Amino acid sequence: MPTTKTLREGSTPKRAAILSAARELFLADGFDRSSVDAVAARAEVSKRTVYDYFGDKRTLLHAVVDVVGQSLITTIRRTLDDTLTDLTEAAELEDALVAFSMRIATDMLGSAEYATLQRLVRAESGQPPHQGENPLADAPDEALAERFAALGEAGLLDVPDPRLAADQFIALTFSVAINRLGSANAVEDTRVRPLVVEGVRTFLRAYRTS
C-alpha cells in the first residue's frame, strides 16, 4: 500500500535523476523486476533518498508516468496553437482540424514518448491505470474544449457545450481509427487519414455555423 509519510520535495537534479533512472529500468526490466535499490544505484543516490522523495515504487511509477504524460500534453497544446489559432473563416475549419488531427496522429501517437507512456501505464499488472492515474485521461479533451470555445466565440462553431463537442470530435476521429484499425498512429497506418478526414467532416456538419 502507498506510504502515508510526508514526502520530501528534495533537490530538482536528484529528483530528475531518480525519475530518469526509474523510467529506464521500468522499460528495460519491467516494473516488477525493477528494484528500488537498482533505481537508486542508477540515479547515484541512496535508497533512503528514493523513499524520501517518492515513498514507494508504485508512487515512483506514477511520477514517471506523469512526467511523460505532461510532455505529451505540451505537444497537444503546441499543436493546437500551431493549427487552430487565428482562424477567421468557417471555410478554414476543415483543413485546420484535419491538420491538427494528423499532427496528433503522427507527432504524438507515432512518437517514442507515447509508446513509452503506453508501456509504463501497463507496467504493473498489464492493464491500463485506474481512473485518475493517467495524466492524459482528461487533459487533451479539456485543451481541445478550450479551443472549440474560442472558435465558438469567434462565430466559427456553434458549441453550447465545448467539452461535449471535444469528446465527440475525439470519438469521430481518433476513436473511430482505434476501433477500426486498432490504432490511430498515422505513422504506421495510412488508413488513419481517410477516417480522420471523414470524422472531421461529420463533426463540422453538426457544429459549423451556417
C-alpha atoms as a PDB file:
ATOM      1  CA  MET A   1       0.000   0.000   0.000  1.00  0.00           C
ATOM      2  CA  PRO A   2       1.225   3.560  -0.657  1.00  0.00           C
ATOM      3  CA  THR A   3       3.018   5.165   2.215  1.00  0.00           C
ATOM      4  CA  THR A   4       1.322   7.861   4.256  1.00  0.00           C
ATOM      5  CA  LYS A   5       4.565   9.544   5.325  1.00  0.00           C
ATOM      6  CA  THR A   6       5.247  13.109   4.259  1.00  0.00           C
ATOM      7  CA  LEU A   7       7.457  13.071   1.181  1.00  0.00           C
ATOM      8  CA  ARG A   8      10.348  15.430   0.628  1.00  0.00           C
ATOM      9  CA  GLU A   9      10.397  17.725  -2.377  1.00  0.00           C
ATOM     10  CA  GLY A  10      14.162  17.409  -2.398  1.00  0.00           C
ATOM     11  CA  SER A  11      16.564  18.814  -4.952  1.00  0.00           C
ATOM     12  CA  THR A  12      15.456  19.100  -8.569  1.00  0.00           C
ATOM     13  CA  PRO A  13      18.561  17.374 -10.028  1.00  0.00           C
ATOM     14  CA  LYS A  14      18.222  14.388  -7.688  1.00  0.00           C
ATOM     15  CA  ARG A  15      14.500  14.087  -8.393  1.00  0.00           C
ATOM     16  CA  ALA A  16      15.129  14.223 -12.140  1.00  0.00           C
ATOM     17  CA  ALA A  17      17.893  11.614 -11.853  1.00  0.00           C
ATOM     18  CA  ILE A  18      15.626   9.242  -9.934  1.00  0.00           C
ATOM     19  CA  LEU A  19      12.779   9.655 -12.433  1.00  0.00           C
ATOM     20  CA  SER A  20      15.120   9.103 -15.376  1.00  0.00           C
ATOM     21  CA  ALA A  21      16.638   6.008 -13.794  1.00  0.00           C
ATOM     22  CA  ALA A  22      13.223   4.592 -12.917  1.00  0.00           C
ATOM     23  CA  ARG A  23      11.916   5.178 -16.424  1.00  0.00           C
ATOM     24  CA  GLU A  24      14.900   3.396 -17.983  1.00  0.00           C
ATOM     25  CA  LEU A  25      14.671   0.426 -15.625  1.00  0.00           C
ATOM     26  CA  PHE A  26      10.881   0.060 -15.785  1.00  0.00           C
ATOM     27  CA  LEU A  27      11.089  -0.040 -19.582  1.00  0.00           C
ATOM     28  CA  ALA A  28      14.137  -2.294 -19.794  1.00  0.00           C
ATOM     29  CA  ASP A  29      13.421  -4.770 -16.999  1.00  0.00           C
ATOM     30  CA  GLY A  30       9.708  -4.306 -16.273  1.00  0.00           C
ATOM     31  CA  PHE A  31       8.121  -2.776 -13.201  1.00  0.00           C
ATOM     32  CA  ASP A  32       8.015  -5.982 -11.134  1.00  0.00           C
ATOM     33  CA  ARG A  33      11.668  -6.850 -11.761  1.00  0.00           C
ATOM     34  CA  SER A  34      12.986  -3.328 -11.118  1.00  0.00           C
ATOM     35  CA  SER A  35      14.035  -2.747  -7.527  1.00  0.00           C
ATOM     36  CA  VAL A  36      14.334   0.483  -5.613  1.00  0.00           C
ATOM     37  CA  ASP A  37      17.957  -0.488  -4.978  1.00  0.00           C
ATOM     38  CA  ALA A  38      18.594  -0.620  -8.722  1.00  0.00           C
ATOM     39  CA  VAL A  39      16.878   2.743  -9.270  1.00  0.00           C
ATOM     40  CA  ALA A  40      18.964   4.305  -6.512  1.00  0.00           C
ATOM     41  CA  ALA A  41      22.190   2.861  -7.911  1.00  0.00           C
ATOM     42  CA  ARG A  42      21.476   4.100 -11.434  1.00  0.00           C
ATOM     43  CA  ALA A  43      20.473   7.546 -10.157  1.00  0.00           C
ATOM     44  CA  GLU A  44      23.567   7.641  -7.922  1.00  0.00           C
ATOM     45  CA  VAL A  45      21.536   8.422  -4.811  1.00  0.00           C
ATOM     46  CA  SER A  46      20.827   6.447  -1.669  1.00  0.00           C
ATOM     47  CA  LYS A  47      17.885   4.088  -1.383  1.00  0.00           C
ATOM     48  CA  ARG A  48      16.681   6.265   1.502  1.00  0.00           C
ATOM     49  CA  THR A  49      16.582   9.271  -0.836  1.00  0.00           C
ATOM     50  CA  VAL A  50      14.305   7.414  -3.272  1.00  0.00           C
ATOM     51  CA  TYR A  51      11.918   6.542  -0.453  1.00  0.00           C
ATOM     52  CA  ASP A  52      12.067  10.045   0.999  1.00  0.00           C
ATOM     53  CA  TYR A  53      11.207  11.603  -2.376  1.00  0.00           C
ATOM     54  CA  PHE A  54       8.635   9.106  -3.673  1.00  0.00           C
ATOM     55  CA  GLY A  55       7.523   6.876  -0.808  1.00  0.00           C
ATOM     56  CA  ASP A  56       7.361   3.554  -2.646  1.00  0.00           C
ATOM     57  CA  LYS A  57       7.894   2.005  -6.054  1.00  0.00           C
ATOM     58  CA  ARG A  58       4.295   2.348  -7.220  1.00  0.00           C
ATOM     59  CA  THR A  59       4.257   6.054  -6.386  1.00  0.00           C
ATOM     60  CA  LEU A  60       7.523   6.353  -8.299  1.00  0.00           C
ATOM     61  CA  LEU A  61       5.879   4.675 -11.296  1.00  0.00           C
ATOM     62  CA  HIS A  62       3.006   7.166 -11.139  1.00  0.00           C
ATOM     63  CA  ALA A  63       5.511  10.020 -11.054  1.00  0.00           C
ATOM     64  CA  VAL A  64       7.316   8.685 -14.133  1.00  0.00           C
ATOM     65  CA  VAL A  65       4.007   8.287 -15.989  1.00  0.00           C
ATOM     66  CA  ASP A  66       3.046  11.837 -15.026  1.00  0.00           C
ATOM     67  CA  VAL A  67       6.294  13.291 -16.381  1.00  0.00           C
ATOM     68  CA  VAL A  68       5.881  11.507 -19.715  1.00  0.00           C
ATOM     69  CA  GLY A  69       2.204  12.428 -19.857  1.00  0.00           C
ATOM     70  CA  GLN A  70       2.891  16.095 -19.192  1.00  0.00           C
ATOM     71  CA  SER A  71       5.384  16.116 -22.048  1.00  0.00           C
ATOM     72  CA  LEU A  72       2.697  14.775 -24.374  1.00  0.00           C
ATOM     73  CA  ILE A  73       0.154  17.307 -23.109  1.00  0.00           C
ATOM     74  CA  THR A  74       2.656  20.027 -24.004  1.00  0.00           C
ATOM     75  CA  THR A  75       2.768  18.556 -27.524  1.00  0.00           C
ATOM     76  CA  ILE A  76      -1.023  18.686 -27.746  1.00  0.00           C
ATOM     77  CA  ARG A  77      -1.188  22.326 -26.661  1.00  0.00           C
ATOM     78  CA  ARG A  78       1.599  23.309 -29.058  1.00  0.00           C
ATOM     79  CA  THR A  79      -0.224  21.565 -31.899  1.00  0.00           C
ATOM     80  CA  LEU A  80      -3.445  23.382 -31.030  1.00  0.00           C
ATOM     81  CA  ASP A  81      -1.552  26.678 -31.133  1.00  0.00           C
ATOM     82  CA  ASP A  82       0.004  25.813 -34.490  1.00  0.00           C
ATOM     83  CA  THR A  83      -3.182  24.654 -36.237  1.00  0.00           C
ATOM     84  CA  LEU A  84      -6.294  26.094 -34.582  1.00  0.00           C
ATOM     85  CA  THR A  85      -5.293  29.663 -33.812  1.00  0.00           C
ATOM     86  CA  ASP A  86      -6.088  32.846 -35.767  1.00  0.00           C
ATOM     87  CA  LEU A  87      -8.783  31.261 -37.909  1.00  0.00           C
ATOM     88  CA  THR A  88     -11.181  33.830 -39.322  1.00  0.00           C
ATOM     89  CA  GLU A  89     -13.321  31.948 -41.859  1.00  0.00           C
ATOM     90  CA  ALA A  90     -15.539  28.876 -41.438  1.00  0.00           C
ATOM     91  CA  ALA A  91     -14.106  27.591 -44.710  1.00  0.00           C
ATOM     92  CA  GLU A  92     -10.722  27.199 -42.997  1.00  0.00           C
ATOM     93  CA  LEU A  93     -12.030  24.825 -40.356  1.00  0.00           C
ATOM     94  CA  GLU A  94     -11.864  21.532 -42.235  1.00  0.00           C
ATOM     95  CA  ASP A  95      -8.246  21.904 -43.286  1.00  0.00           C
ATOM     96  CA  ALA A  96      -7.260  23.190 -39.835  1.00  0.00           C
ATOM     97  CA  LEU A  97      -8.988  20.362 -37.950  1.00  0.00           C
ATOM     98  CA  VAL A  98      -7.539  17.738 -40.291  1.00  0.00           C
ATOM     99  CA  ALA A  99      -4.089  19.290 -39.852  1.00  0.00           C
ATOM    100  CA  PHE A 100      -4.474  19.228 -36.071  1.00  0.00           C
ATOM    101  CA  SER A 101      -5.676  15.622 -36.052  1.00  0.00           C
ATOM    102  CA  MET A 102      -2.932  14.383 -38.358  1.00  0.00           C
ATOM    103  CA  ARG A 103      -0.251  16.171 -36.358  1.00  0.00           C
ATOM    104  CA  ILE A 104      -1.522  14.416 -33.229  1.00  0.00           C
ATOM    105  CA  ALA A 105      -1.714  11.106 -35.104  1.00  0.00           C
ATOM    106  CA  THR A 106       1.917  11.438 -36.202  1.00  0.00           C
ATOM    107  CA  ASP A 107       3.870  13.719 -33.866  1.00  0.00           C
ATOM    108  CA  MET A 108       2.221  12.350 -30.720  1.00  0.00           C
ATOM    109  CA  LEU A 109       0.603   8.973 -31.323  1.00  0.00           C
ATOM    110  CA  GLY A 110       3.514   7.935 -33.508  1.00  0.00           C
ATOM    111  CA  SER A 111       6.163   9.163 -31.094  1.00  0.00           C
ATOM    112  CA  ALA A 112       8.528   7.153 -28.925  1.00  0.00           C
ATOM    113  CA  GLU A 113       7.291   9.202 -25.967  1.00  0.00           C
ATOM    114  CA  TYR A 114       3.723   7.983 -26.475  1.00  0.00           C
ATOM    115  CA  ALA A 115       4.893   4.397 -26.869  1.00  0.00           C
ATOM    116  CA  THR A 116       6.796   4.838 -23.610  1.00  0.00           C
ATOM    117  CA  LEU A 117       3.663   6.069 -21.856  1.00  0.00           C
ATOM    118  CA  GLN A 118       1.625   3.127 -23.135  1.00  0.00           C
ATOM    119  CA  ARG A 119       4.199   0.688 -21.805  1.00  0.00           C
ATOM    120  CA  LEU A 120       4.528   2.433 -18.462  1.00  0.00           C
ATOM    121  CA  VAL A 121       0.813   2.620 -17.692  1.00  0.00           C
ATOM    122  CA  ARG A 122       0.636  -1.144 -18.147  1.00  0.00           C
ATOM    123  CA  ALA A 123       3.872  -1.784 -16.289  1.00  0.00           C
ATOM    124  CA  GLU A 124       2.483  -3.046 -13.020  1.00  0.00           C
ATOM    125  CA  SER A 125      -0.179  -5.551 -13.997  1.00  0.00           C
ATOM    126  CA  GLY A 126      -0.553  -5.499 -17.768  1.00  0.00           C
ATOM    127  CA  GLN A 127      -3.641  -3.279 -17.500  1.00  0.00           C
ATOM    128  CA  PRO A 128      -4.256   0.428 -18.130  1.00  0.00           C
ATOM    129  CA  PRO A 129      -4.130   2.565 -14.972  1.00  0.00           C
ATOM    130  CA  HIS A 130      -7.155   3.220 -12.814  1.00  0.00           C
ATOM    131  CA  GLN A 131      -9.198   6.367 -13.397  1.00  0.00           C
ATOM    132  CA  GLY A 132      -7.213   9.389 -12.257  1.00  0.00           C
ATOM    133  CA  GLU A 133      -3.813   7.695 -12.657  1.00  0.00           C
ATOM    134  CA  ASN A 134      -3.369   8.530 -16.333  1.00  0.00           C
ATOM    135  CA  PRO A 135      -2.276  12.150 -16.863  1.00  0.00           C
ATOM    136  CA  LEU A 136      -3.776  12.050 -20.364  1.00  0.00           C
ATOM    137  CA  ALA A 137      -7.212  10.989 -19.131  1.00  0.00           C
ATOM    138  CA  ASP A 138      -8.877  14.414 -19.433  1.00  0.00           C
ATOM    139  CA  ALA A 139      -6.217  16.924 -20.425  1.00  0.00           C
ATOM    140  CA  PRO A 140      -6.491  16.510 -24.239  1.00  0.00           C
ATOM    141  CA  ASP A 141     -10.285  16.843 -24.094  1.00  0.00           C
ATOM    142  CA  GLU A 142     -10.064  19.936 -21.894  1.00  0.00           C
ATOM    143  CA  ALA A 143      -7.437  21.577 -24.098  1.00  0.00           C
ATOM    144  CA  LEU A 144      -9.496  20.909 -27.222  1.00  0.00           C
ATOM    145  CA  ALA A 145     -12.650  22.133 -25.488  1.00  0.00           C
ATOM    146  CA  GLU A 146     -10.924  25.422 -24.677  1.00  0.00           C
ATOM    147  CA  ARG A 147     -10.018  25.873 -28.346  1.00  0.00           C
ATOM    148  CA  PHE A 148     -13.536  24.985 -29.509  1.00  0.00           C
ATOM    149  CA  ALA A 149     -14.919  27.545 -27.058  1.00  0.00           C
ATOM    150  CA  ALA A 150     -12.634  30.171 -28.614  1.00  0.00           C
ATOM    151  CA  LEU A 151     -13.798  29.190 -32.095  1.00  0.00           C
ATOM    152  CA  GLY A 152     -17.365  29.487 -30.837  1.00  0.00           C
ATOM    153  CA  GLU A 153     -16.693  32.997 -29.548  1.00  0.00           C
ATOM    154  CA  ALA A 154     -15.246  33.844 -32.971  1.00  0.00           C
ATOM    155  CA  GLY A 155     -18.511  32.714 -34.576  1.00  0.00           C
ATOM    156  CA  LEU A 156     -16.974  29.788 -36.453  1.00  0.00           C
ATOM    157  CA  LEU A 157     -18.502  26.956 -34.419  1.00  0.00           C
ATOM    158  CA  ASP A 158     -21.820  26.580 -32.627  1.00  0.00           C
ATOM    159  CA  VAL A 159     -20.687  24.853 -29.417  1.00  0.00           C
ATOM    160  CA  PRO A 160     -23.095  25.296 -26.482  1.00  0.00           C
ATOM    161  CA  ASP A 161     -21.071  22.641 -24.606  1.00  0.00           C
ATOM    162  CA  PRO A 162     -17.410  22.820 -25.717  1.00  0.00           C
ATOM    163  CA  ARG A 163     -16.351  19.799 -23.659  1.00  0.00           C
ATOM    164  CA  LEU A 164     -19.076  17.655 -25.219  1.00  0.00           C
ATOM    165  CA  ALA A 165     -18.001  18.889 -28.647  1.00  0.00           C
ATOM    166  CA  ALA A 166     -14.403  17.940 -27.848  1.00  0.00           C
ATOM    167  CA  ASP A 167     -15.437  14.479 -26.671  1.00  0.00           C
ATOM    168  CA  GLN A 168     -17.471  13.963 -29.832  1.00  0.00           C
ATOM    169  CA  PHE A 169     -14.647  15.196 -32.057  1.00  0.00           C
ATOM    170  CA  ILE A 170     -12.234  12.728 -30.471  1.00  0.00           C
ATOM    171  CA  ALA A 171     -14.820   9.941 -30.812  1.00  0.00           C
ATOM    172  CA  LEU A 172     -15.361  10.712 -34.502  1.00  0.00           C
ATOM    173  CA  THR A 173     -11.661  10.829 -35.366  1.00  0.00           C
ATOM    174  CA  PHE A 174      -9.185   9.050 -33.110  1.00  0.00           C
ATOM    175  CA  SER A 175     -11.657   6.638 -31.500  1.00  0.00           C
ATOM    176  CA  VAL A 176     -13.029   5.546 -34.868  1.00  0.00           C
ATOM    177  CA  ALA A 177      -9.498   4.823 -36.076  1.00  0.00           C
ATOM    178  CA  ILE A 178      -8.675   2.886 -32.918  1.00  0.00           C
ATOM    179  CA  ASN A 179     -11.900   0.867 -33.100  1.00  0.00           C
ATOM    180  CA  ARG A 180     -11.498   0.147 -36.811  1.00  0.00           C
ATOM    181  CA  LEU A 181      -7.731  -0.295 -37.075  1.00  0.00           C
ATOM    182  CA  GLY A 182      -6.586  -0.947 -33.529  1.00  0.00           C
ATOM    183  CA  SER A 183      -4.540   2.264 -33.521  1.00  0.00           C
ATOM    184  CA  ALA A 184      -4.722   5.925 -34.541  1.00  0.00           C
ATOM    185  CA  ASN A 185      -0.979   6.016 -35.260  1.00  0.00           C
ATOM    186  CA  ALA A 186      -0.799   7.525 -38.745  1.00  0.00           C
ATOM    187  CA  VAL A 187       2.924   6.842 -38.980  1.00  0.00           C
ATOM    188  CA  GLU A 188       2.251   3.111 -39.043  1.00  0.00           C
ATOM    189  CA  ASP A 189      -1.050   3.032 -40.927  1.00  0.00           C
ATOM    190  CA  THR A 190      -2.012   5.224 -43.894  1.00  0.00           C
ATOM    191  CA  ARG A 191      -5.665   4.227 -43.419  1.00  0.00           C
ATOM    192  CA  VAL A 192      -5.885   6.596 -40.451  1.00  0.00           C
ATOM    193  CA  ARG A 193      -6.055   9.760 -42.546  1.00  0.00           C
ATOM    194  CA  PRO A 194      -9.249   8.955 -44.523  1.00  0.00           C
ATOM    195  CA  LEU A 195     -11.024   8.076 -41.281  1.00  0.00           C
ATOM    196  CA  VAL A 196      -9.847  11.320 -39.681  1.00  0.00           C
ATOM    197  CA  VAL A 197     -10.985  13.389 -42.664  1.00  0.00           C
ATOM    198  CA  GLU A 198     -14.447  11.838 -42.641  1.00  0.00           C
ATOM    199  CA  GLY A 199     -14.674  12.297 -38.881  1.00  0.00           C
ATOM    200  CA  VAL A 200     -13.807  15.989 -39.209  1.00  0.00           C
ATOM    201  CA  ARG A 201     -16.451  16.442 -41.906  1.00  0.00           C
ATOM    202  CA  THR A 202     -19.078  14.721 -39.778  1.00  0.00           C
ATOM    203  CA  PHE A 203     -18.146  16.937 -36.816  1.00  0.00           C
ATOM    204  CA  LEU A 204     -18.416  20.088 -38.895  1.00  0.00           C
ATOM    205  CA  ARG A 205     -21.821  19.111 -40.266  1.00  0.00           C
ATOM    206  CA  ALA A 206     -23.019  19.194 -36.679  1.00  0.00           C
ATOM    207  CA  TYR A 207     -21.064  22.160 -35.284  1.00  0.00           C
ATOM    208  CA  ARG A 208     -20.026  24.574 -38.034  1.00  0.00           C
ATOM    209  CA  THR A 209     -22.077  27.769 -38.052  1.00  0.00           C
ATOM    210  CA  SER A 210     -24.206  28.173 -41.162  1.00  0.00           C
END
